[in-house]
Amino acid sequence: MKKTEIVICLGSSCFSRGNKMTLRVIQDYLLEHNLKDRVFFHGAHCLGECEKGPLLQIGGKRYENVTADNVTALLNSVFGE
């Protein structure tokens, strides 16, 4: 089975604007929903669009202005929860 790739930007701009907390929320979500085996979750140094960040990429689709407050709804929409 092919895993869904989730890439979180860990560049200084996105990181300073909250991706540290978003990272934790995503890790908890993957554990709580038993998705660890279906998802390849990792960080990237910079996704190159700092002004639109914090950035998250899921399955090749880029999401802008992602925060710890809105990422759960985003993951629910992607994974059908």
PDB file of N, CA and C in Angstrom:
ATOM      1  N   MET A   1       0.840  -1.168   0.000  1.00  0.00           N
ATOM      2  CA  MET A   1       0.000   0.000   0.000  1.00  0.00           C
ATOM      3  C   MET A   1       0.892   1.241   0.000  1.00  0.00           C
ATOM      4  N   LYS A   2       0.570   2.178  -0.873  1.00  0.00           N
ATOM      5  CA  LYS A   2       1.320   3.429  -0.953  1.00  0.00           C
ATOM      6  C   LYS A   2       0.914   4.342   0.195  1.00  0.00           C
ATOM      7  N   LYS A   3       1.902   4.920   0.846  1.00  0.00           N
ATOM      8  CA  LYS A   3       1.640   5.810   1.970  1.00  0.00           C
ATOM      9  C   LYS A   3       1.361   7.223   1.474  1.00  0.00           C
ATOM     10  N   THR A   4       0.485   7.905   2.201  1.00  0.00           N
ATOM     11  CA  THR A   4       0.232   9.321   1.944  1.00  0.00           C
ATOM     12  C   THR A   4       1.379  10.112   2.553  1.00  0.00           C
ATOM     13  N   GLU A   5       1.978  10.984   1.759  1.00  0.00           N
ATOM     14  CA  GLU A   5       3.090  11.785   2.257  1.00  0.00           C
ATOM     15  C   GLU A   5       2.590  13.109   2.813  1.00  0.00           C
ATOM     16  N   ILE A   6       3.009  13.410   4.032  1.00  0.00           N
ATOM     17  CA  ILE A   6       2.739  14.697   4.653  1.00  0.00           C
ATOM     18  C   ILE A   6       4.082  15.349   4.935  1.00  0.00           C
ATOM     19  N   VAL A   7       4.262  16.555   4.395  1.00  0.00           N
ATOM     20  CA  VAL A   7       5.501  17.296   4.594  1.00  0.00           C
ATOM     21  C   VAL A   7       5.172  18.606   5.301  1.00  0.00           C
ATOM     22  N   ILE A   8       5.800  18.817   6.426  1.00  0.00           N
ATOM     23  CA  ILE A   8       5.618  20.066   7.156  1.00  0.00           C
ATOM     24  C   ILE A   8       6.872  20.912   6.970  1.00  0.00           C
ATOM     25  N   CYS A   9       6.677  22.185   6.681  1.00  0.00           N
ATOM     26  CA  CYS A   9       7.809  23.092   6.509  1.00  0.00           C
ATOM     27  C   CYS A   9       8.396  23.416   7.874  1.00  0.00           C
ATOM     28  N   LEU A  10       9.697  23.193   7.995  1.00  0.00           N
ATOM     29  CA  LEU A  10      10.396  23.515   9.235  1.00  0.00           C
ATOM     30  C   LEU A  10      11.417  24.628   9.018  1.00  0.00           C
ATOM     31  N   GLY A  11      11.249  25.375   7.929  1.00  0.00           N
ATOM     32  CA  GLY A  11      12.086  26.549   7.703  1.00  0.00           C
ATOM     33  C   GLY A  11      11.850  27.566   8.804  1.00  0.00           C
ATOM     34  N   SER A  12      12.761  28.482   8.980  1.00  0.00           N
ATOM     35  CA  SER A  12      12.686  29.399  10.123  1.00  0.00           C
ATOM     36  C   SER A  12      11.404  30.230  10.148  1.00  0.00           C
ATOM     37  N   SER A  13      10.909  30.644   8.993  1.00  0.00           N
ATOM     38  CA  SER A  13       9.696  31.469   8.970  1.00  0.00           C
ATOM     39  C   SER A  13       8.482  30.673   9.434  1.00  0.00           C
ATOM     40  N   CYS A  14       8.247  29.513   8.837  1.00  0.00           N
ATOM     41  CA  CYS A  14       7.094  28.688   9.228  1.00  0.00           C
ATOM     42  C   CYS A  14       7.238  28.185  10.662  1.00  0.00           C
ATOM     43  N   PHE A  15       8.453  27.823  11.034  1.00  0.00           N
ATOM     44  CA  PHE A  15       8.683  27.309  12.381  1.00  0.00           C
ATOM     45  C   PHE A  15       8.385  28.384  13.414  1.00  0.00           C
ATOM     46  N   SER A  16       8.835  29.610  13.158  1.00  0.00           N
ATOM     47  CA  SER A  16       8.612  30.689  14.126  1.00  0.00           C
ATOM     48  C   SER A  16       7.145  31.124  14.169  1.00  0.00           C
ATOM     49  N   ARG A  17       6.388  30.804  13.113  1.00  0.00           N
ATOM     50  CA  ARG A  17       4.972  31.165  13.086  1.00  0.00           C
ATOM     51  C   ARG A  17       4.065  30.018  13.526  1.00  0.00           C
ATOM     52  N   GLY A  18       4.630  28.978  14.108  1.00  0.00           N
ATOM     53  CA  GLY A  18       3.765  27.996  14.747  1.00  0.00           C
ATOM     54  C   GLY A  18       3.883  26.555  14.299  1.00  0.00           C
ATOM     55  N   ASN A  19       4.720  26.248  13.313  1.00  0.00           N
ATOM     56  CA  ASN A  19       4.763  24.861  12.859  1.00  0.00           C
ATOM     57  C   ASN A  19       5.338  23.909  13.904  1.00  0.00           C
ATOM     58  N   LYS A  20       5.991  24.432  14.928  1.00  0.00           N
ATOM     59  CA  LYS A  20       6.453  23.565  16.020  1.00  0.00           C
ATOM     60  C   LYS A  20       5.242  22.943  16.720  1.00  0.00           C
ATOM     61  N   MET A  21       4.228  23.749  17.009  1.00  0.00           N
ATOM     62  CA  MET A  21       3.008  23.235  17.648  1.00  0.00           C
ATOM     63  C   MET A  21       2.193  22.382  16.677  1.00  0.00           C
ATOM     64  N   THR A  22       2.130  22.801  15.417  1.00  0.00           N
ATOM     65  CA  THR A  22       1.385  22.050  14.408  1.00  0.00           C
ATOM     66  C   THR A  22       1.983  20.666  14.242  1.00  0.00           C
ATOM     67  N   LEU A  23       3.293  20.570  14.279  1.00  0.00           N
ATOM     68  CA  LEU A  23       3.994  19.286  14.194  1.00  0.00           C
ATOM     69  C   LEU A  23       3.490  18.333  15.277  1.00  0.00           C
ATOM     70  N   ARG A  24       3.385  18.835  16.484  1.00  0.00           N
ATOM     71  CA  ARG A  24       2.913  17.996  17.608  1.00  0.00           C
ATOM     72  C   ARG A  24       1.460  17.568  17.414  1.00  0.00           C
ATOM     73  N   VAL A  25       0.622  18.489  16.944  1.00  0.00           N
ATOM     74  CA  VAL A  25      -0.790  18.159  16.718  1.00  0.00           C
ATOM     75  C   VAL A  25      -0.910  17.051  15.661  1.00  0.00           C
ATOM     76  N   ILE A  26      -0.127  17.144  14.588  1.00  0.00           N
ATOM     77  CA  ILE A  26      -0.173  16.126  13.536  1.00  0.00           C
ATOM     78  C   ILE A  26       0.310  14.779  14.070  1.00  0.00           C
ATOM     79  N   GLN A  27       1.406  14.776  14.818  1.00  0.00           N
ATOM     80  CA  GLN A  27       1.902  13.523  15.393  1.00  0.00           C
ATOM     81  C   GLN A  27       0.842  12.868  16.274  1.00  0.00           C
ATOM     82  N   ASP A  28       0.196  13.653  17.117  1.00  0.00           N
ATOM     83  CA  ASP A  28      -0.861  13.128  17.991  1.00  0.00           C
ATOM     84  C   ASP A  28      -2.034  12.606  17.164  1.00  0.00           C
ATOM     85  N   TYR A  29      -2.416  13.344  16.132  1.00  0.00           N
ATOM     86  CA  TYR A  29      -3.532  12.938  15.262  1.00  0.00           C
ATOM     87  C   TYR A  29      -3.241  11.592  14.612  1.00  0.00           C
ATOM     88  N   LEU A  30      -2.040  11.425  14.081  1.00  0.00           N
ATOM     89  CA  LEU A  30      -1.678  10.178  13.410  1.00  0.00           C
ATOM     90  C   LEU A  30      -1.730   8.997  14.372  1.00  0.00           C
ATOM     91  N   LEU A  31      -1.301   9.212  15.606  1.00  0.00           N
ATOM     92  CA  LEU A  31      -1.360   8.155  16.619  1.00  0.00           C
ATOM     93  C   LEU A  31      -2.802   7.834  17.006  1.00  0.00           C
ATOM     94  N   GLU A  32      -3.576   8.871  17.287  1.00  0.00           N
ATOM     95  CA  GLU A  32      -4.953   8.686  17.750  1.00  0.00           C
ATOM     96  C   GLU A  32      -5.847   8.027  16.693  1.00  0.00           C
ATOM     97  N   HIS A  33      -5.535   8.245  15.415  1.00  0.00           N
ATOM     98  CA  HIS A  33      -6.364   7.705  14.338  1.00  0.00           C
ATOM     99  C   HIS A  33      -5.724   6.495  13.648  1.00  0.00           C
ATOM    100  N   ASN A  34      -4.708   5.932  14.282  1.00  0.00           N
ATOM    101  CA  ASN A  34      -4.027   4.736  13.766  1.00  0.00           C
ATOM    102  C   ASN A  34      -3.598   4.892  12.313  1.00  0.00           C
ATOM    103  N   LEU A  35      -3.009   6.033  11.991  1.00  0.00           N
ATOM    104  CA  LEU A  35      -2.592   6.313  10.620  1.00  0.00           C
ATOM    105  C   LEU A  35      -1.080   6.217  10.423  1.00  0.00           C
ATOM    106  N   LYS A  36      -0.330   5.906  11.463  1.00  0.00           N
ATOM    107  CA  LYS A  36       1.133   5.899  11.363  1.00  0.00           C
ATOM    108  C   LYS A  36       1.637   4.973  10.253  1.00  0.00           C
ATOM    109  N   ASP A  37       0.955   3.847  10.021  1.00  0.00           N
ATOM    110  CA  ASP A  37       1.384   2.907   8.981  1.00  0.00           C
ATOM    111  C   ASP A  37       0.946   3.332   7.585  1.00  0.00           C
ATOM    112  N   ARG A  38       0.024   4.287   7.493  1.00  0.00           N
ATOM    113  CA  ARG A  38      -0.500   4.728   6.195  1.00  0.00           C
ATOM    114  C   ARG A  38       0.082   6.060   5.735  1.00  0.00           C
ATOM    115  N   VAL A  39       0.903   6.679   6.604  1.00  0.00           N
ATOM    116  CA  VAL A  39       1.390   8.030   6.325  1.00  0.00           C
ATOM    117  C   VAL A  39       2.910   8.084   6.471  1.00  0.00           C
ATOM    118  N   PHE A  40       3.557   8.780   5.536  1.00  0.00           N
ATOM    119  CA  PHE A  40       4.974   9.100   5.648  1.00  0.00           C
ATOM    120  C   PHE A  40       5.040  10.584   5.996  1.00  0.00           C
ATOM    121  N   PHE A  41       5.262  10.879   7.275  1.00  0.00           N
ATOM    122  CA  PHE A  41       5.254  12.249   7.787  1.00  0.00           C
ATOM    123  C   PHE A  41       6.679  12.689   8.071  1.00  0.00           C
ATOM    124  N   HIS A  42       7.079  13.802   7.450  1.00  0.00           N
ATOM    125  CA  HIS A  42       8.426  14.298   7.672  1.00  0.00           C
ATOM    126  C   HIS A  42       8.481  15.803   7.440  1.00  0.00           C
ATOM    127  N   GLY A  43       9.589  16.387   7.839  1.00  0.00           N
ATOM    128  CA  GLY A  43       9.788  17.821   7.683  1.00  0.00           C
ATOM    129  C   GLY A  43      10.631  18.137   6.463  1.00  0.00           C
ATOM    130  N   ALA A  44      10.528  19.380   6.033  1.00  0.00           N
ATOM    131  CA  ALA A  44      11.360  19.906   4.952  1.00  0.00           C
ATOM    132  C   ALA A  44      11.996  21.192   5.456  1.00  0.00           C
ATOM    133  N   HIS A  45      13.183  21.470   4.978  1.00  0.00           N
ATOM    134  CA  HIS A  45      13.889  22.676   5.440  1.00  0.00           C
ATOM    135  C   HIS A  45      13.125  23.939   5.058  1.00  0.00           C
ATOM    136  N   CYS A  46      12.615  24.002   3.833  1.00  0.00           N
ATOM    137  CA  CYS A  46      11.850  25.162   3.389  1.00  0.00           C
ATOM    138  C   CYS A  46      11.064  24.768   2.140  1.00  0.00           C
ATOM    139  N   LEU A  47       9.800  25.151   2.088  1.00  0.00           N
ATOM    140  CA  LEU A  47       8.977  24.846   0.915  1.00  0.00           C
ATOM    141  C   LEU A  47       8.928  26.019  -0.059  1.00  0.00           C
ATOM    142  N   GLY A  48       9.634  27.110   0.257  1.00  0.00           N
ATOM    143  CA  GLY A  48       9.865  28.173  -0.698  1.00  0.00           C
ATOM    144  C   GLY A  48       8.795  29.239  -0.866  1.00  0.00           C
ATOM    145  N   GLU A  49       7.763  29.220  -0.038  1.00  0.00           N
ATOM    146  CA  GLU A  49       6.725  30.245  -0.135  1.00  0.00           C
ATOM    147  C   GLU A  49       6.435  30.794   1.259  1.00  0.00           C
ATOM    148  N   CYS A  50       7.452  31.374   1.840  1.00  0.00           N
ATOM    149  CA  CYS A  50       7.393  31.810   3.240  1.00  0.00           C
ATOM    150  C   CYS A  50       6.227  32.746   3.527  1.00  0.00           C
ATOM    151  N   GLU A  51       5.914  33.622   2.581  1.00  0.00           N
ATOM    152  CA  GLU A  51       4.846  34.597   2.820  1.00  0.00           C
ATOM    153  C   GLU A  51       3.469  33.947   2.948  1.00  0.00           C
ATOM    154  N   LYS A  52       3.323  32.683   2.512  1.00  0.00           N
ATOM    155  CA  LYS A  52       2.042  31.983   2.570  1.00  0.00           C
ATOM    156  C   LYS A  52       1.976  31.013   3.750  1.00  0.00           C
ATOM    157  N   GLY A  53       3.016  30.952   4.515  1.00  0.00           N
ATOM    158  CA  GLY A  53       3.115  29.971   5.585  1.00  0.00           C
ATOM    159  C   GLY A  53       2.351  30.349   6.824  1.00  0.00           C
ATOM    160  N   PRO A  54       2.343  29.432   7.735  1.00  0.00           N
ATOM    161  CA  PRO A  54       2.980  28.132   7.753  1.00  0.00           C
ATOM    162  C   PRO A  54       2.403  27.189   6.686  1.00  0.00           C
ATOM    163  N   LEU A  55       3.298  26.390   6.099  1.00  0.00           N
ATOM    164  CA  LEU A  55       2.920  25.508   5.000  1.00  0.00           C
ATOM    165  C   LEU A  55       2.926  24.040   5.410  1.00  0.00           C
ATOM    166  N   LEU A  56       2.024  23.295   4.762  1.00  0.00           N
ATOM    167  CA  LEU A  56       1.926  21.855   4.931  1.00  0.00           C
ATOM    168  C   LEU A  56       1.571  21.277   3.569  1.00  0.00           C
ATOM    169  N   GLN A  57       2.176  20.153   3.237  1.00  0.00           N
ATOM    170  CA  GLN A  57       1.875  19.508   1.963  1.00  0.00           C
ATOM    171  C   GLN A  57       1.388  18.096   2.255  1.00  0.00           C
ATOM    172  N   ILE A  58       0.225  17.744   1.702  1.00  0.00           N
ATOM    173  CA  ILE A  58      -0.344  16.412   1.903  1.00  0.00           C
ATOM    174  C   ILE A  58      -0.632  15.811   0.539  1.00  0.00           C
ATOM    175  N   GLY A  59       0.006  14.673   0.266  1.00  0.00           N
ATOM    176  CA  GLY A  59      -0.215  14.000  -1.014  1.00  0.00           C
ATOM    177  C   GLY A  59       0.080  14.892  -2.208  1.00  0.00           C
ATOM    178  N   GLY A  60       1.048  15.767  -2.092  1.00  0.00           N
ATOM    179  CA  GLY A  60       1.427  16.648  -3.184  1.00  0.00           C
ATOM    180  C   GLY A  60       0.651  17.956  -3.258  1.00  0.00           C
ATOM    181  N   LYS A  61      -0.390  18.088  -2.452  1.00  0.00           N
ATOM    182  CA  LYS A  61      -1.178  19.323  -2.446  1.00  0.00           C
ATOM    183  C   LYS A  61      -0.706  20.217  -1.301  1.00  0.00           C
ATOM    184  N   ARG A  62      -0.456  21.460  -1.629  1.00  0.00           N
ATOM    185  CA  ARG A  62       0.059  22.400  -0.635  1.00  0.00           C
ATOM    186  C   ARG A  62      -1.076  23.164   0.041  1.00  0.00           C
ATOM    187  N   TYR A  63      -0.962  23.297   1.364  1.00  0.00           N
ATOM    188  CA  TYR A  63      -1.926  24.041   2.168  1.00  0.00           C
ATOM    189  C   TYR A  63      -1.199  25.203   2.827  1.00  0.00           C
ATOM    190  N   GLU A  64      -1.817  26.372   2.793  1.00  0.00           N
ATOM    191  CA  GLU A  64      -1.219  27.599   3.309  1.00  0.00           C
ATOM    192  C   GLU A  64      -1.870  28.003   4.623  1.00  0.00           C
ATOM    193  N   ASN A  65      -1.141  28.794   5.390  1.00  0.00           N
ATOM    194  CA  ASN A  65      -1.642  29.332   6.667  1.00  0.00           C
ATOM    195  C   ASN A  65      -2.170  28.248   7.600  1.00  0.00           C
ATOM    196  N   VAL A  66      -1.459  27.142   7.671  1.00  0.00           N
ATOM    197  CA  VAL A  66      -1.852  26.023   8.529  1.00  0.00           C
ATOM    198  C   VAL A  66      -1.373  26.304   9.950  1.00  0.00           C
ATOM    199  N   THR A  67      -2.266  26.107  10.892  1.00  0.00           N
ATOM    200  CA  THR A  67      -1.933  26.338  12.299  1.00  0.00           C
ATOM    201  C   THR A  67      -2.340  25.133  13.131  1.00  0.00           C
ATOM    202  N   ALA A  68      -1.890  25.123  14.376  1.00  0.00           N
ATOM    203  CA  ALA A  68      -2.287  24.060  15.298  1.00  0.00           C
ATOM    204  C   ALA A  68      -3.799  24.065  15.496  1.00  0.00           C
ATOM    205  N   ASP A  69      -4.432  25.229  15.321  1.00  0.00           N
ATOM    206  CA  ASP A  69      -5.881  25.339  15.514  1.00  0.00           C
ATOM    207  C   ASP A  69      -6.688  24.809  14.334  1.00  0.00           C
ATOM    208  N   ASN A  70      -6.148  24.873  13.111  1.00  0.00           N
ATOM    209  CA  ASN A  70      -6.950  24.435  11.960  1.00  0.00           C
ATOM    210  C   ASN A  70      -6.466  23.143  11.308  1.00  0.00           C
ATOM    211  N   VAL A  71      -5.351  22.592  11.758  1.00  0.00           N
ATOM    212  CA  VAL A  71      -4.797  21.416  11.092  1.00  0.00           C
ATOM    213  C   VAL A  71      -5.642  20.157  11.328  1.00  0.00           C
ATOM    214  N   THR A  72      -6.297  20.034  12.461  1.00  0.00           N
ATOM    215  CA  THR A  72      -7.120  18.847  12.711  1.00  0.00           C
ATOM    216  C   THR A  72      -8.281  18.768  11.721  1.00  0.00           C
ATOM    217  N   ALA A  73      -8.936  19.887  11.468  1.00  0.00           N
ATOM    218  CA  ALA A  73     -10.027  19.904  10.483  1.00  0.00           C
ATOM    219  C   ALA A  73      -9.500  19.560   9.095  1.00  0.00           C
ATOM    220  N   LEU A  74      -8.321  20.049   8.768  1.00  0.00           N
ATOM    221  CA  LEU A  74      -7.701  19.737   7.477  1.00  0.00           C
ATOM    222  C   LEU A  74      -7.417  18.238   7.364  1.00  0.00           C
ATOM    223  N   LEU A  75      -6.829  17.666   8.395  1.00  0.00           N
ATOM    224  CA  LEU A  75      -6.540  16.223   8.380  1.00  0.00           C
ATOM    225  C   LEU A  75      -7.830  15.412   8.319  1.00  0.00           C
ATOM    226  N   ASN A  76      -8.850  15.836   9.036  1.00  0.00           N
ATOM    227  CA  ASN A  76     -10.143  15.144   8.958  1.00  0.00           C
ATOM    228  C   ASN A  76     -10.695  15.151   7.525  1.00  0.00           C
ATOM    229  N   SER A  77     -10.549  16.275   6.835  1.00  0.00           N
ATOM    230  CA  SER A  77     -11.058  16.344   5.466  1.00  0.00           C
ATOM    231  C   SER A  77     -10.264  15.451   4.522  1.00  0.00           C
ATOM    232  N   VAL A  78      -8.975  15.316   4.762  1.00  0.00           N
ATOM    233  CA  VAL A  78      -8.137  14.480   3.901  1.00  0.00           C
ATOM    234  C   VAL A  78      -8.352  12.997   4.179  1.00  0.00           C
ATOM    235  N   PHE A  79      -8.442  12.633   5.458  1.00  0.00           N
ATOM    236  CA  PHE A  79      -8.517  11.227   5.842  1.00  0.00           C
ATOM    237  C   PHE A  79      -9.931  10.747   6.131  1.00  0.00           C
ATOM    238  N   GLY A  80     -10.920  11.595   5.876  1.00  0.00           N
ATOM    239  CA  GLY A  80     -12.316  11.179   5.959  1.00  0.00           C
ATOM    240  C   GLY A  80     -12.823  10.896   7.352  1.00  0.00           C
ATOM    241  N   GLU A  81     -12.327  11.590   8.325  1.00  0.00           N
ATOM    242  CA  GLU A  81     -12.782  11.388   9.711  1.00  0.00           C
ATOM    243  C   GLU A  81     -13.996  12.248   9.990  1.00  0.00           C
TER     244      GLU A  81
END
